[in-house]
Amino acid sequence: MSITVLASFQVKTEKVADFLAACRELTEHTMKDKGVLFYELQRNNENANLFVFVERWESRADLDAHLATAHIQKAFPIFLECCQSEPVVQVFSPVF
C-alpha cells in the first residue's frame, strides 16, 4: 500500500537560499530512490518562508530506506539549521 508524506518547514528568511539549495540536491538524489512515486517541494502562497515536501512512496519500507540514505542524512542537519522550529513530518495512508 502506498503512503503519502507531508514534511513542513518554517524557514528563517536569511536561510531560504541555503534551504532551497539543500532541497534541490536532495530532490535530485531522491528521485532515484526505490519506490518514490512523487516528490515535490511546494511553497506557501501566503507565507513565503513556509515550505512542504509532498511525497508519495510505494511502501513504508521504501520510505524507511529513503530516510536511511546518505542524501537525507546530509540534508536534515541543514534543514534544522535553516528552520525556525522543528520540521513537522506527517505520514498518511489511503482510506479507500
N, C-alpha and C. Protein backbone atom coordinates (compact mmCIF):
# COMPACT_ATOMS: atom_id res chain seq x y z
N MET A 1 0.84 -1.18 0.00
CA MET A 1 0.00 0.00 0.00
C MET A 1 0.89 1.24 0.00
N SER A 2 0.56 2.21 -0.85
CA SER A 2 1.34 3.44 -0.92
C SER A 2 1.08 4.30 0.31
N ILE A 3 2.01 5.20 0.56
CA ILE A 3 1.86 6.16 1.65
C ILE A 3 2.22 7.55 1.14
N THR A 4 1.66 8.55 1.80
CA THR A 4 1.94 9.94 1.48
C THR A 4 2.60 10.60 2.68
N VAL A 5 3.59 11.42 2.41
CA VAL A 5 4.29 12.16 3.46
C VAL A 5 4.16 13.64 3.16
N LEU A 6 3.84 14.41 4.21
CA LEU A 6 3.87 15.87 4.15
C LEU A 6 4.90 16.31 5.18
N ALA A 7 5.96 16.95 4.72
CA ALA A 7 7.02 17.42 5.61
C ALA A 7 7.09 18.94 5.49
N SER A 8 6.69 19.63 6.58
CA SER A 8 6.59 21.10 6.57
C SER A 8 7.79 21.74 7.25
N PHE A 9 8.23 22.86 6.68
CA PHE A 9 9.40 23.58 7.17
C PHE A 9 9.11 25.07 7.21
N GLN A 10 9.25 25.69 8.37
CA GLN A 10 9.15 27.14 8.50
C GLN A 10 10.60 27.66 8.51
N VAL A 11 11.01 28.25 7.40
CA VAL A 11 12.41 28.59 7.17
C VAL A 11 12.69 30.05 7.57
N LYS A 12 13.86 30.26 8.19
CA LYS A 12 14.30 31.61 8.53
C LYS A 12 14.53 32.39 7.23
N THR A 13 14.13 33.64 7.21
CA THR A 13 14.24 34.46 6.00
C THR A 13 15.66 34.47 5.45
N GLU A 14 16.63 34.61 6.32
CA GLU A 14 18.03 34.70 5.87
C GLU A 14 18.60 33.35 5.43
N LYS A 15 17.85 32.26 5.62
CA LYS A 15 18.33 30.92 5.28
C LYS A 15 17.59 30.28 4.11
N VAL A 16 16.67 31.03 3.48
CA VAL A 16 15.87 30.45 2.41
C VAL A 16 16.75 29.93 1.27
N ALA A 17 17.74 30.70 0.84
CA ALA A 17 18.60 30.26 -0.27
C ALA A 17 19.34 28.97 0.08
N ASP A 18 19.87 28.87 1.30
CA ASP A 18 20.56 27.65 1.72
C ASP A 18 19.59 26.47 1.76
N PHE A 19 18.39 26.72 2.28
CA PHE A 19 17.37 25.67 2.35
C PHE A 19 17.03 25.17 0.95
N LEU A 20 16.78 26.08 0.03
CA LEU A 20 16.41 25.69 -1.33
C LEU A 20 17.54 24.93 -2.03
N ALA A 21 18.77 25.33 -1.80
CA ALA A 21 19.90 24.61 -2.40
C ALA A 21 19.96 23.18 -1.88
N ALA A 22 19.76 23.00 -0.58
CA ALA A 22 19.77 21.65 0.00
C ALA A 22 18.59 20.83 -0.53
N CYS A 23 17.44 21.46 -0.69
CA CYS A 23 16.26 20.77 -1.21
C CYS A 23 16.46 20.34 -2.66
N ARG A 24 17.06 21.20 -3.44
CA ARG A 24 17.32 20.87 -4.85
C ARG A 24 18.21 19.64 -4.96
N GLU A 25 19.30 19.63 -4.18
CA GLU A 25 20.22 18.49 -4.20
C GLU A 25 19.52 17.23 -3.70
N LEU A 26 18.77 17.36 -2.61
CA LEU A 26 18.06 16.21 -2.06
C LEU A 26 17.06 15.64 -3.07
N THR A 27 16.34 16.50 -3.74
CA THR A 27 15.34 16.04 -4.71
C THR A 27 16.00 15.29 -5.86
N GLU A 28 17.12 15.79 -6.34
CA GLU A 28 17.83 15.11 -7.43
C GLU A 28 18.18 13.68 -7.05
N HIS A 29 18.67 13.49 -5.84
CA HIS A 29 19.04 12.15 -5.38
C HIS A 29 17.81 11.30 -5.08
N THR A 30 16.82 11.89 -4.44
CA THR A 30 15.64 11.15 -4.02
C THR A 30 14.86 10.60 -5.20
N MET A 31 14.83 11.32 -6.30
CA MET A 31 14.09 10.84 -7.47
C MET A 31 14.66 9.54 -8.02
N LYS A 32 15.84 9.14 -7.56
CA LYS A 32 16.46 7.87 -7.96
C LYS A 32 16.22 6.77 -6.94
N ASP A 33 15.62 7.11 -5.80
CA ASP A 33 15.37 6.13 -4.74
C ASP A 33 14.30 5.14 -5.18
N LYS A 34 14.45 3.91 -4.72
CA LYS A 34 13.46 2.87 -5.00
C LYS A 34 12.14 3.24 -4.33
N GLY A 35 11.07 3.12 -5.07
CA GLY A 35 9.74 3.28 -4.50
C GLY A 35 9.19 4.69 -4.48
N VAL A 36 9.96 5.69 -4.91
CA VAL A 36 9.43 7.06 -4.91
C VAL A 36 8.48 7.20 -6.10
N LEU A 37 7.28 7.66 -5.82
CA LEU A 37 6.27 7.88 -6.85
C LEU A 37 6.10 9.36 -7.15
N PHE A 38 6.30 10.19 -6.13
CA PHE A 38 6.11 11.64 -6.27
C PHE A 38 6.93 12.30 -5.17
N TYR A 39 7.66 13.35 -5.51
CA TYR A 39 8.49 14.04 -4.52
C TYR A 39 8.65 15.48 -5.00
N GLU A 40 7.95 16.40 -4.36
CA GLU A 40 7.94 17.78 -4.84
C GLU A 40 7.92 18.75 -3.67
N LEU A 41 8.71 19.80 -3.78
CA LEU A 41 8.72 20.87 -2.79
C LEU A 41 7.71 21.93 -3.22
N GLN A 42 6.85 22.33 -2.27
CA GLN A 42 5.85 23.37 -2.51
C GLN A 42 6.14 24.54 -1.57
N ARG A 43 5.80 25.74 -2.04
CA ARG A 43 5.95 26.95 -1.22
C ARG A 43 4.57 27.55 -0.99
N ASN A 44 4.30 27.92 0.24
CA ASN A 44 3.01 28.50 0.61
C ASN A 44 2.82 29.84 -0.09
N ASN A 45 1.63 30.07 -0.63
CA ASN A 45 1.35 31.30 -1.36
C ASN A 45 1.20 32.52 -0.46
N GLU A 46 0.91 32.32 0.80
CA GLU A 46 0.70 33.44 1.72
C GLU A 46 1.85 33.65 2.69
N ASN A 47 2.69 32.65 2.85
CA ASN A 47 3.84 32.73 3.75
C ASN A 47 5.05 32.19 2.98
N ALA A 48 5.85 33.08 2.42
CA ALA A 48 6.94 32.69 1.53
C ALA A 48 8.04 31.89 2.22
N ASN A 49 8.02 31.83 3.54
CA ASN A 49 9.03 31.05 4.27
C ASN A 49 8.52 29.69 4.71
N LEU A 50 7.30 29.33 4.32
CA LEU A 50 6.73 28.04 4.67
C LEU A 50 6.77 27.12 3.45
N PHE A 51 7.44 25.99 3.62
CA PHE A 51 7.61 25.02 2.54
C PHE A 51 7.10 23.67 3.01
N VAL A 52 6.68 22.86 2.04
CA VAL A 52 6.27 21.50 2.36
C VAL A 52 6.72 20.57 1.23
N PHE A 53 7.36 19.47 1.62
CA PHE A 53 7.62 18.39 0.67
C PHE A 53 6.36 17.54 0.65
N VAL A 54 5.85 17.29 -0.55
CA VAL A 54 4.74 16.37 -0.75
C VAL A 54 5.35 15.13 -1.41
N GLU A 55 5.21 14.01 -0.71
CA GLU A 55 5.87 12.79 -1.16
C GLU A 55 4.87 11.64 -1.25
N ARG A 56 5.08 10.77 -2.21
CA ARG A 56 4.29 9.55 -2.31
C ARG A 56 5.29 8.41 -2.52
N TRP A 57 5.15 7.38 -1.69
CA TRP A 57 6.04 6.22 -1.71
C TRP A 57 5.22 4.95 -1.92
N GLU A 58 5.82 3.98 -2.60
CA GLU A 58 5.13 2.71 -2.84
C GLU A 58 4.83 1.98 -1.53
N SER A 59 5.72 2.12 -0.54
CA SER A 59 5.52 1.40 0.73
C SER A 59 6.26 2.11 1.86
N ARG A 60 5.92 1.74 3.08
CA ARG A 60 6.63 2.27 4.25
C ARG A 60 8.08 1.84 4.22
N ALA A 61 8.34 0.63 3.74
CA ALA A 61 9.72 0.14 3.65
C ALA A 61 10.55 1.02 2.72
N ASP A 62 9.95 1.47 1.62
CA ASP A 62 10.67 2.36 0.70
C ASP A 62 10.96 3.70 1.37
N LEU A 63 10.00 4.24 2.11
CA LEU A 63 10.23 5.49 2.85
C LEU A 63 11.34 5.30 3.87
N ASP A 64 11.29 4.21 4.63
CA ASP A 64 12.32 3.94 5.64
C ASP A 64 13.70 3.84 5.01
N ALA A 65 13.79 3.20 3.84
CA ALA A 65 15.07 3.10 3.14
C ALA A 65 15.55 4.49 2.73
N HIS A 66 14.64 5.32 2.26
CA HIS A 66 14.98 6.71 1.89
C HIS A 66 15.52 7.47 3.09
N LEU A 67 14.88 7.31 4.24
CA LEU A 67 15.30 8.03 5.44
C LEU A 67 16.69 7.61 5.92
N ALA A 68 17.15 6.45 5.49
CA ALA A 68 18.48 5.95 5.87
C ALA A 68 19.56 6.29 4.84
N THR A 69 19.21 6.94 3.74
CA THR A 69 20.19 7.24 2.70
C THR A 69 21.15 8.35 3.12
N ALA A 70 22.29 8.37 2.47
CA ALA A 70 23.29 9.41 2.73
C ALA A 70 22.74 10.79 2.38
N HIS A 71 21.94 10.88 1.32
CA HIS A 71 21.45 12.21 0.91
C HIS A 71 20.45 12.80 1.90
N ILE A 72 19.62 11.98 2.53
CA ILE A 72 18.72 12.54 3.55
C ILE A 72 19.50 12.85 4.83
N GLN A 73 20.48 12.03 5.14
CA GLN A 73 21.31 12.29 6.32
C GLN A 73 22.11 13.58 6.17
N LYS A 74 22.52 13.88 4.94
CA LYS A 74 23.24 15.13 4.67
C LYS A 74 22.31 16.34 4.75
N ALA A 75 21.11 16.20 4.23
CA ALA A 75 20.18 17.33 4.14
C ALA A 75 19.56 17.71 5.48
N PHE A 76 19.26 16.73 6.31
CA PHE A 76 18.48 17.02 7.51
C PHE A 76 19.18 18.01 8.45
N PRO A 77 20.49 17.91 8.73
CA PRO A 77 21.11 18.93 9.58
C PRO A 77 21.04 20.34 8.98
N ILE A 78 21.11 20.42 7.67
CA ILE A 78 20.98 21.73 7.01
C ILE A 78 19.57 22.26 7.22
N PHE A 79 18.57 21.39 7.07
CA PHE A 79 17.18 21.80 7.30
C PHE A 79 17.01 22.33 8.73
N LEU A 80 17.56 21.63 9.69
CA LEU A 80 17.42 22.05 11.09
C LEU A 80 18.05 23.42 11.31
N GLU A 81 19.19 23.65 10.68
CA GLU A 81 19.88 24.94 10.81
C GLU A 81 19.08 26.07 10.15
N CYS A 82 18.37 25.75 9.09
CA CYS A 82 17.64 26.76 8.32
C CYS A 82 16.26 27.08 8.88
N CYS A 83 15.73 26.20 9.71
CA CYS A 83 14.34 26.36 10.15
C CYS A 83 14.22 27.07 11.49
N GLN A 84 13.09 27.76 11.65
CA GLN A 84 12.79 28.44 12.91
C GLN A 84 12.38 27.46 13.99
N SER A 85 11.85 26.31 13.59
CA SER A 85 11.40 25.29 14.53
C SER A 85 11.60 23.92 13.88
N GLU A 86 11.36 22.87 14.67
CA GLU A 86 11.49 21.51 14.14
C GLU A 86 10.54 21.32 12.96
N PRO A 87 11.00 20.64 11.90
CA PRO A 87 10.09 20.30 10.82
C PRO A 87 8.95 19.42 11.34
N VAL A 88 7.82 19.51 10.69
CA VAL A 88 6.67 18.67 11.04
C VAL A 88 6.49 17.67 9.92
N VAL A 89 6.65 16.38 10.25
CA VAL A 89 6.53 15.31 9.26
C VAL A 89 5.31 14.47 9.60
N GLN A 90 4.42 14.34 8.64
CA GLN A 90 3.20 13.56 8.83
C GLN A 90 3.14 12.49 7.75
N VAL A 91 2.75 11.28 8.15
CA VAL A 91 2.64 10.16 7.22
C VAL A 91 1.17 9.74 7.15
N PHE A 92 0.67 9.59 5.93
CA PHE A 92 -0.74 9.25 5.69
C PHE A 92 -0.84 7.99 4.85
N SER A 93 -1.90 7.25 5.08
CA SER A 93 -2.23 6.07 4.28
C SER A 93 -3.62 6.28 3.67
N PRO A 94 -3.84 5.73 2.47
CA PRO A 94 -5.16 5.87 1.86
C PRO A 94 -6.25 5.24 2.73
N VAL A 95 -7.40 5.87 2.74
CA VAL A 95 -8.54 5.36 3.49
C VAL A 95 -9.35 4.41 2.61
N PHE A 96 -9.54 4.77 1.37
CA PHE A 96 -10.32 3.95 0.43
C PHE A 96 -9.43 3.37 -0.63
